[in-house]
Protein backbone atom coordinates (compact mmCIF):
# COMPACT_ATOMS: atom_id res chain seq x y z
CA MET A 1 19.83 33.89 -47.43
CA PHE A 2 22.54 33.32 -50.03
CA LYS A 3 26.03 32.08 -49.16
CA PHE A 4 29.06 32.61 -51.40
CA SER A 5 32.62 31.31 -51.20
CA CYS A 6 35.72 33.17 -52.44
CA VAL A 7 38.67 31.06 -53.58
CA LYS A 8 42.29 32.17 -53.79
CA PRO A 9 42.73 34.05 -57.11
CA ILE A 10 45.24 32.82 -59.68
CA GLY A 11 45.74 36.33 -60.99
CA GLY A 12 44.13 39.72 -60.64
CA PHE A 13 42.48 41.26 -57.61
CA LYS A 14 41.43 39.51 -54.43
CA CYS A 15 37.72 38.70 -54.07
CA GLU A 16 36.07 41.31 -51.80
CA ARG A 17 32.52 40.02 -52.00
CA GLN A 18 30.56 39.39 -48.80
CA VAL A 19 30.44 35.76 -47.80
CA LYS A 20 26.79 35.95 -46.69
CA LEU A 21 24.03 38.02 -48.28
CA LYS A 22 20.63 38.39 -46.63
CA LYS A 23 17.59 39.43 -48.61
CA ALA A 24 13.92 39.36 -47.65
CA CYS A 25 11.68 37.16 -49.82
CA ASN A 26 7.89 37.29 -50.47
CA THR A 27 7.33 40.49 -48.50
CA LYS A 28 4.13 41.43 -50.41
CA PRO A 29 0.90 39.52 -49.86
CA CYS A 30 -0.73 37.70 -52.77
CA GLY A 31 -3.29 39.86 -54.64
CA PRO A 32 -6.90 38.90 -55.48
CA SER A 33 -7.67 36.68 -58.43
CA ASP A 34 -8.41 38.32 -61.81
CA ASN A 35 -11.72 36.46 -61.99
CA PRO A 36 -13.42 36.48 -58.58
CA ASN A 37 -16.22 34.20 -59.85
CA LYS A 38 -13.73 31.51 -60.92
CA ILE A 39 -13.85 28.35 -58.83
CA ASP A 40 -10.50 27.12 -57.61
CA ASN A 41 -10.02 23.62 -58.98
CA GLY A 42 -6.53 23.16 -57.56
CA GLU A 43 -4.70 24.64 -60.58
CA GLU A 44 -4.93 28.29 -59.62
CA TRP A 45 -1.34 28.20 -58.34
CA MET A 46 -0.19 27.92 -61.95
CA SER A 47 -1.49 31.41 -62.72
CA LYS A 48 0.57 32.82 -59.86
CA GLN A 49 3.91 31.56 -61.23
CA PRO A 50 6.32 33.82 -63.17
CA THR A 51 5.27 34.36 -66.76
CA LEU A 52 8.86 33.70 -67.98
CA THR A 53 11.11 30.79 -66.91
CA LEU A 54 14.76 31.64 -67.45
CA PRO A 55 17.23 28.90 -68.47
CA MET A 56 19.57 27.49 -65.82
CA LYS A 57 23.01 29.09 -65.77
CA LEU A 58 26.12 27.34 -64.46
CA ASP A 59 29.20 29.22 -63.29
CA SER A 60 32.21 26.97 -63.88
CA ARG A 61 35.65 27.80 -62.50
CA TYR A 62 38.91 26.08 -63.39
CA VAL A 63 41.54 25.08 -60.84
CA SER A 64 44.67 25.87 -62.81
CA HIS A 65 45.90 27.29 -66.09
CA ARG A 66 48.23 24.33 -66.62
CA PHE A 67 47.17 21.64 -69.07
CA GLN A 68 46.48 18.11 -67.90
CA GLN A 69 49.48 15.96 -68.86
CA TYR A 70 49.72 12.19 -69.14
CA GLU A 71 52.35 9.88 -70.64
CA GLU A 72 52.15 6.20 -69.84
CA CYS A 73 54.81 5.10 -67.37
CA GLN A 74 56.38 8.56 -67.59
CA ILE A 75 54.24 11.25 -65.95
CA LYS A 76 50.69 12.05 -64.85
CA ASP A 77 50.20 15.75 -64.02
CA GLU A 78 46.53 16.57 -63.46
CA ASP A 79 44.13 18.43 -61.17
CA LEU A 80 43.36 16.64 -57.91
CA CYS A 81 41.60 17.63 -54.70
CA ILE A 82 42.51 16.94 -51.08
CA ARG A 83 40.20 16.20 -48.15
CA ARG A 84 41.49 18.24 -45.17
CA GLN A 85 40.23 16.52 -42.02
CA ASP A 86 42.64 18.59 -39.90
CA LEU A 87 40.78 21.81 -40.73
CA VAL A 88 37.62 20.49 -39.04
CA TYR A 89 39.22 20.92 -35.60
CA LYS A 90 41.24 24.01 -36.44
CA LEU A 91 38.36 26.04 -37.99
CA GLY A 92 35.41 24.39 -36.23
CA LEU A 93 33.80 23.07 -39.41
CA LYS A 94 31.02 20.50 -39.50
CA GLN A 95 32.66 18.38 -42.18
CA ALA A 96 36.05 18.14 -43.83
CA PRO A 97 36.44 20.56 -46.76
CA ILE A 98 37.66 19.30 -50.15
CA LEU A 99 40.17 21.78 -51.58
CA PRO A 100 41.62 21.84 -55.12
CA GLY A 101 45.27 21.13 -55.82
CA ARG A 102 47.57 19.35 -58.23
CA GLY A 103 48.83 15.76 -58.33
CA VAL A 104 52.09 14.81 -60.06
CA LEU A 105 53.02 11.15 -60.56
CA ASN A 106 56.20 9.78 -62.14
CA LYS A 107 58.07 6.48 -62.09
CA THR A 108 59.55 6.97 -58.64
CA THR A 109 57.45 9.48 -56.66
CA PHE A 110 53.97 10.85 -56.11
CA SER A 111 53.64 14.52 -55.08
CA PHE A 112 50.68 16.72 -54.20
CA TYR A 113 50.84 20.50 -54.62
CA GLU A 114 48.39 23.01 -53.12
CA ASN A 115 48.36 25.03 -56.35
CA THR A 116 50.02 25.09 -59.77
CA LYS A 117 53.33 26.45 -58.46
CA TYR A 118 56.02 23.94 -57.64
CA ASP A 119 57.00 25.75 -54.43
CA SER A 120 53.61 24.85 -52.91
CA LEU A 121 54.50 21.21 -52.24
CA HIS A 122 52.16 19.73 -49.63
CA ARG A 123 53.55 16.18 -49.44
CA SER A 124 55.70 13.85 -51.53
CA TYR A 125 56.06 10.05 -51.28
CA SER A 126 58.32 7.41 -52.80
CA LEU A 127 56.15 4.97 -54.76
CA ASP A 128 57.71 1.87 -53.21
CA GLN A 129 56.90 3.17 -49.71
CA ILE A 130 53.13 3.82 -50.06
CA SER A 131 49.89 1.87 -50.26
CA VAL A 132 46.74 3.09 -52.03
CA THR A 133 43.23 2.14 -50.86
CA PRO A 134 39.71 3.54 -51.50
CA PHE A 135 38.44 5.95 -48.86
CA PRO A 136 35.65 4.13 -46.94
CA LEU A 137 33.51 7.22 -46.22
CA ASP A 138 33.45 8.65 -49.77
CA SER A 139 33.63 6.67 -53.01
CA ASN A 140 35.03 9.76 -54.79
CA CYS A 141 38.19 9.68 -52.63
CA PHE A 142 41.15 7.40 -51.89
CA ASP A 143 43.82 7.13 -49.18
CA ILE A 144 47.59 7.21 -49.64
CA LYS A 145 49.41 5.78 -46.61
CA SER A 146 53.11 5.50 -45.87
CA LYS A 147 54.35 2.00 -45.07
CA ASN A 148 56.92 3.41 -42.65
CA ASP A 149 54.50 5.58 -40.65
CA PRO A 150 50.75 4.70 -40.62
CA LYS A 151 49.91 8.21 -39.35
CA ASP A 152 51.49 9.75 -42.45
CA ASN A 153 48.61 9.65 -44.93
CA LEU A 154 46.64 11.79 -47.37
CA THR A 155 43.00 11.58 -48.42
CA LEU A 156 42.71 12.71 -52.05
CA CYS A 157 39.55 13.02 -54.11
CA GLY A 158 38.33 13.61 -57.60
CA CYS A 159 37.34 17.28 -57.59
CA PRO A 160 33.59 17.79 -56.94
CA PHE A 161 33.24 20.24 -59.85
CA GLU A 162 34.25 17.53 -62.32
CA PRO A 163 31.42 15.50 -63.91
CA SER A 164 33.17 12.17 -63.24
CA SER A 165 34.95 12.64 -59.91
CA ARG A 166 34.49 8.99 -58.94
CA ASP A 167 35.99 7.74 -62.21
CA ASN A 168 38.84 10.20 -61.75
CA ALA A 169 39.59 8.81 -58.27
CA VAL A 170 39.49 5.21 -59.53
CA ASN A 171 41.77 6.17 -62.43
CA TRP A 172 44.30 7.73 -60.03
CA ILE A 173 44.37 4.54 -57.93
CA LYS A 174 44.98 2.38 -61.03
CA GLU A 175 47.69 4.68 -62.37
CA ILE A 176 49.56 4.87 -59.04
CA VAL A 177 49.52 1.06 -58.77
CA LYS A 178 50.59 0.77 -62.42
CA PHE A 179 53.47 3.27 -62.09
CA ARG A 180 54.59 1.55 -58.87
CA ASP A 181 54.33 -2.11 -59.89
CA ASN A 182 54.42 -2.36 -63.66
CA CYS A 183 56.55 0.53 -64.93
CA VAL A 184 60.33 0.20 -64.99
CA SER A 185 61.87 2.79 -62.66
CA ASN A 186 65.56 2.15 -63.40
CA SER A 187 67.32 3.53 -66.46
CA ASN A 188 69.62 0.49 -66.72
CA GLY A 189 66.78 -1.93 -67.48
CA ALA A 190 66.65 -3.51 -64.00
CA ILE A 191 63.33 -4.86 -62.67
CA ASN A 192 62.11 -4.29 -59.14
CA ILE A 193 61.70 -7.57 -57.23
CA LYS A 194 58.82 -7.73 -54.74
CA ASP A 195 57.98 -10.23 -52.03
CA ASN A 196 54.97 -11.58 -53.93
CA ASP A 197 57.02 -12.22 -57.11
CA SER A 198 58.09 -15.78 -58.00
CA LEU A 199 60.10 -17.54 -60.69
CA ASN A 200 59.57 -21.11 -61.98
CA LEU A 201 62.73 -22.94 -63.14
CA SER A 202 62.51 -26.25 -65.00
CA PHE A 203 65.27 -28.87 -64.79
CA GLY A 204 64.23 -31.82 -66.94
CA ASN A 205 61.03 -33.16 -65.42
CA GLU A 206 61.40 -31.16 -62.20
CA THR A 207 60.15 -27.62 -61.63
CA VAL A 208 61.54 -25.41 -58.87
CA ASN A 209 59.67 -22.32 -57.60
CA VAL A 210 61.88 -19.45 -56.44
CA SER A 211 60.14 -16.90 -54.17
CA GLY A 212 60.65 -13.15 -54.17
CA GLN A 213 62.72 -13.26 -50.97
CA GLN A 214 65.05 -15.84 -52.51
CA LEU A 215 65.34 -13.76 -55.68
CA LYS A 216 66.23 -10.73 -53.58
CA SER A 217 68.87 -12.68 -51.64
CA LEU A 218 70.34 -14.07 -54.89
CA ALA A 219 70.41 -10.57 -56.40
CA LYS A 220 72.08 -9.23 -53.25
CA GLU A 221 74.69 -12.00 -53.31
CA THR A 222 75.33 -11.34 -57.00
CA LEU A 223 75.79 -7.64 -56.35
CA ASP A 224 78.08 -8.34 -53.40
CA SER A 225 80.17 -10.71 -55.52
CA LYS A 226 80.33 -8.10 -58.28
CA VAL A 227 81.49 -5.50 -55.79
CA LYS A 228 84.15 -7.88 -54.46
CA ASP A 229 85.27 -8.69 -58.02
CA LEU A 230 85.56 -4.97 -58.79
CA GLU A 231 87.61 -4.42 -55.64
CA LYS A 232 89.81 -7.37 -56.53
CA GLU A 233 90.29 -6.02 -60.05
CA GLU A 234 91.31 -2.64 -58.61
CA GLU A 235 93.84 -4.31 -56.32
CA GLU A 236 95.21 -6.36 -59.21
CA LYS A 237 95.49 -3.20 -61.32
CA GLU A 238 97.47 -1.53 -58.56
CA GLU A 239 99.71 -4.57 -58.22
CA ARG A 240 100.24 -4.70 -62.00
CA LYS A 241 101.12 -1.02 -62.03
CA LEU A 242 103.60 -1.57 -59.24
CA SER A 243 105.06 -4.67 -60.92
CA ASP A 244 105.24 -2.81 -64.24
CA ALA A 245 107.08 0.00 -62.54
CA ILE A 246 109.44 -2.49 -60.92
CA ASN A 247 109.95 -4.32 -64.21
CA GLN A 248 110.60 -1.05 -65.92
CA VAL A 249 113.15 -0.15 -63.28
CA GLU A 250 114.75 -3.57 -63.62
CA SER A 251 114.95 -3.29 -67.41
CA ILE A 252 116.54 0.11 -67.06
CA THR A 253 119.06 -1.24 -64.59
CA THR A 254 119.96 -4.16 -66.87
CA ASN A 255 120.47 -1.80 -69.77
CA TYR A 256 122.73 0.42 -67.75
CA THR A 257 124.64 -2.09 -65.67
CA LYS A 258 127.89 -0.40 -66.54
CA ASN A 259 126.86 2.78 -64.82
CA GLU A 260 126.71 1.81 -61.15
CA PHE A 261 125.76 5.29 -60.08
CA PHE A 262 122.75 5.32 -62.37
CA LYS A 263 121.87 1.86 -61.15
CA GLU A 264 121.95 3.04 -57.58
CA ARG A 265 119.70 5.94 -58.48
CA LEU A 266 117.20 3.57 -60.06
CA VAL A 267 117.25 1.31 -57.03
CA GLU A 268 116.80 4.39 -54.86
CA LYS A 269 113.80 5.46 -56.94
CA GLU A 270 112.32 2.00 -56.62
CA GLU A 271 112.80 2.16 -52.87
CA GLU A 272 111.23 5.59 -52.83
CA LEU A 273 108.19 4.26 -54.65
CA LYS A 274 107.87 1.39 -52.23
CA ALA A 275 108.41 3.67 -49.27
CA LYS A 276 105.86 6.12 -50.63
CA LYS A 277 103.34 3.32 -51.01
CA GLU A 278 104.05 2.10 -47.50
CA LEU A 279 103.80 5.64 -46.15
CA GLN A 280 100.45 6.10 -47.86
CA ASN A 281 99.20 2.91 -46.29
CA LEU A 282 100.54 4.04 -42.93
CA ASP A 283 98.87 7.43 -43.39
CA LYS A 284 95.56 5.66 -44.02
CA LEU A 285 96.03 3.57 -40.89
CA ILE A 286 96.99 6.67 -38.90
CA GLN A 287 93.89 8.47 -40.16
CA LYS A 288 91.72 5.55 -39.11
CA GLU A 289 93.38 5.44 -35.71
CA LYS A 290 92.88 9.22 -35.36
CA GLU A 291 89.19 8.80 -36.08
CA LYS A 292 89.02 6.01 -33.50
CA GLU A 293 90.92 8.16 -31.02
CA LYS A 294 88.55 11.06 -31.68
CA CYS A 295 85.51 8.85 -31.12
CA ILE A 296 87.01 7.40 -27.93
CA GLN A 297 87.96 10.88 -26.72
CA GLN A 298 84.45 12.16 -27.34
CA PHE A 299 83.05 9.15 -25.51
CA LEU A 300 85.42 9.70 -22.57
CA GLU A 301 84.54 13.41 -22.46
CA ARG A 302 80.87 12.56 -22.37
CA GLU A 303 81.50 10.05 -19.59
CA SER A 304 83.61 12.55 -17.64
CA ARG A 305 80.91 15.22 -18.01
CA ARG A 306 78.34 12.71 -16.84
CA GLN A 307 80.51 11.75 -13.84
CA ARG A 308 81.10 15.41 -12.97
CA ARG A 309 77.39 16.06 -13.24
CA LYS A 310 76.69 13.09 -10.94
CA GLU A 311 79.33 14.29 -8.46
CA LYS A 312 77.83 17.79 -8.45
CA GLU A 313 74.36 16.35 -7.91
CA LYS A 314 75.67 14.17 -5.07
CA GLN A 315 77.54 17.11 -3.53
CA ALA A 316 74.46 19.32 -3.81
CA GLU A 317 72.37 16.56 -2.20
CA GLU A 318 74.85 16.28 0.69
CA GLU A 319 74.88 20.07 1.15
CA LEU A 320 71.10 20.10 1.19
CA HIS A 321 71.10 17.30 3.76
CA GLU A 322 73.58 19.21 5.96
CA ILE A 323 71.54 22.42 5.63
CA LYS A 324 68.42 20.48 6.56
CA LYS A 325 70.07 19.02 9.65
CA GLU A 326 71.42 22.43 10.67
CA VAL A 327 68.00 24.04 10.25
CA GLU A 328 66.37 21.26 12.27
CA THR A 329 68.96 21.77 15.04
CA GLN A 330 68.33 25.53 15.08
CA VAL A 331 64.59 24.98 15.18
CA LYS A 332 65.00 22.59 18.13
CA GLN A 333 67.16 25.16 19.95
CA ILE A 334 64.61 27.91 19.34
CA LYS A 335 61.86 25.60 20.60
CA ASN A 336 63.83 24.86 23.75
CA VAL A 337 64.42 28.59 24.35
CA PHE A 338 60.72 29.32 23.94
CA ARG A 339 59.81 26.39 26.17
CA SER A 340 62.17 27.57 28.93
CA LYS A 341 60.77 31.10 28.65
CA MET A 342 57.23 29.78 28.82
CA SER A 343 58.12 27.63 31.85
CA LYS A 344 59.67 30.58 33.66
CA LEU A 345 56.71 32.75 32.76
CA GLN A 346 54.33 30.08 34.09
CA GLN A 347 56.31 29.77 37.33
CA GLU A 348 56.34 33.54 37.80
CA THR A 349 52.63 33.66 37.14
CA GLU A 350 52.00 30.92 39.71
CA ARG A 351 54.11 32.77 42.26
CA ILE A 352 52.27 36.05 41.71
CA LYS A 353 49.01 34.18 41.78
CA MET A 354 49.89 32.61 45.15
CA GLU A 355 50.87 36.01 46.51
CA LYS A 356 47.60 37.48 45.33
CA MET A 357 45.66 34.58 46.85
CA LYS A 358 47.50 35.03 50.14
CA GLN A 359 46.77 38.75 50.13
CA LEU A 360 43.11 38.04 49.41
CA THR A 361 42.94 35.51 52.20
CA ASP A 362 44.51 37.93 54.67
CA MET A 363 42.00 40.60 53.70
CA LYS A 364 39.14 38.19 54.16
CA LEU A 365 40.47 37.19 57.61
CA ARG A 366 40.76 40.82 58.68
CA ILE A 367 37.24 41.57 57.48
CA THR A 368 35.91 38.48 59.31
CA GLN A 369 37.72 39.48 62.50
CA MET A 370 36.28 42.96 62.27
CA LEU A 371 32.76 41.60 61.88
CA ILE A 372 33.21 39.20 64.81
CA ASP A 373 34.45 42.01 67.05
CA GLN A 374 31.57 44.25 66.08
CA GLU A 375 28.99 41.54 66.74
CA SER A 376 30.39 40.76 70.20
CA LYS A 377 30.28 44.41 71.32
CA GLY A 378 26.73 44.80 70.13
CA SER A 379 25.58 41.80 72.23
CA ILE A 380 27.02 43.20 75.54
CA SER A 381 25.29 46.56 75.06
CA ASN A 382 21.98 44.84 74.44
CA CYS A 383 22.31 42.84 77.62
CA LYS A 384 22.93 46.02 79.74
CA GLN A 385 19.87 47.74 78.29
CA ASP A 386 17.64 44.77 79.13
CA LYS A 387 18.81 44.78 82.74
CA GLU A 388 18.04 48.52 83.13
CA GLU A 389 14.55 48.08 81.75
CA ASN A 390 13.85 45.24 84.16
CA ARG A 391 14.93 47.39 87.09
CA ASN A 392 12.72 50.30 86.12
CA ALA A 393 9.78 48.00 85.78
């Protein structure tokens, strides 16, 4: 029996070949030897083999039309296979199938695609959030696990049709670690600081070791101070603009002191600018207070809904309790009615029974009296007959 497998076509028609093909083998018995007088010395089987041995033929199929692409610390775009353990339970397979796909690695992410099209994304990870380890059950594969969720992992392999699938898997592990740890991922020349990094600083004869956590905290403090300096510079710029405007107004007023009306207009404009600034600040405060009010209102609405829901549940519970008590009372009343009816019926039955017993007793007495009377009469007649016989004798 021959077994074939049809893969998803890249182009052209879909494969319609049968998956299994059965064909009988060796249906004809072996014929007699050409030389019947020849003694079999154990090498006769060689004469029964085919007269022509054909060369072995390999059918090689490619995964994708796209070229393999690699630029150090820039991109690695090559064929890669995935080990689908989930299909074992879904399709009832004996072992996990290894399916072809495409792996794309750059300075910040690693992505795996199910085919050469970019809309077939299977999973994508950020390089600083994954760990790469060899797969323990197959040396041709490796595991990619998310640091945030241990259940979020992929098992990728060097494709089995490649002559060096194990080397390919090892190369992918090295490249992922290299892109993650050694390649610069920021365009401004910054270097990623990790927990296992350290820095040795020398001060005269003393050497101080600074750990990665301390470097991170120093970098964070530096960034925070830079942010504060930028905010302070912005505030100073605003103050300078305002002071420049005021100075400009003052210079204009000094130049035109003779014209009081114009001076008043300038002062009015200055006041308008100040008032506008104050109003803007007040508007910001009002907006913040509105947001707070909205949040508080939403919270109060949720609390009121929860209280109403609790009150309804309590009311429904009380109603159910009252209904239960009413039903129990009705059941007790019905039981009492049935009990009274049964008692009356029992009394009536006893009365009728007594009457029947009395009637039966009376009948028995009458029958007994009748038998007694009959027996006494019969005895007198017998006595008279005996006397007559004695006389005749």
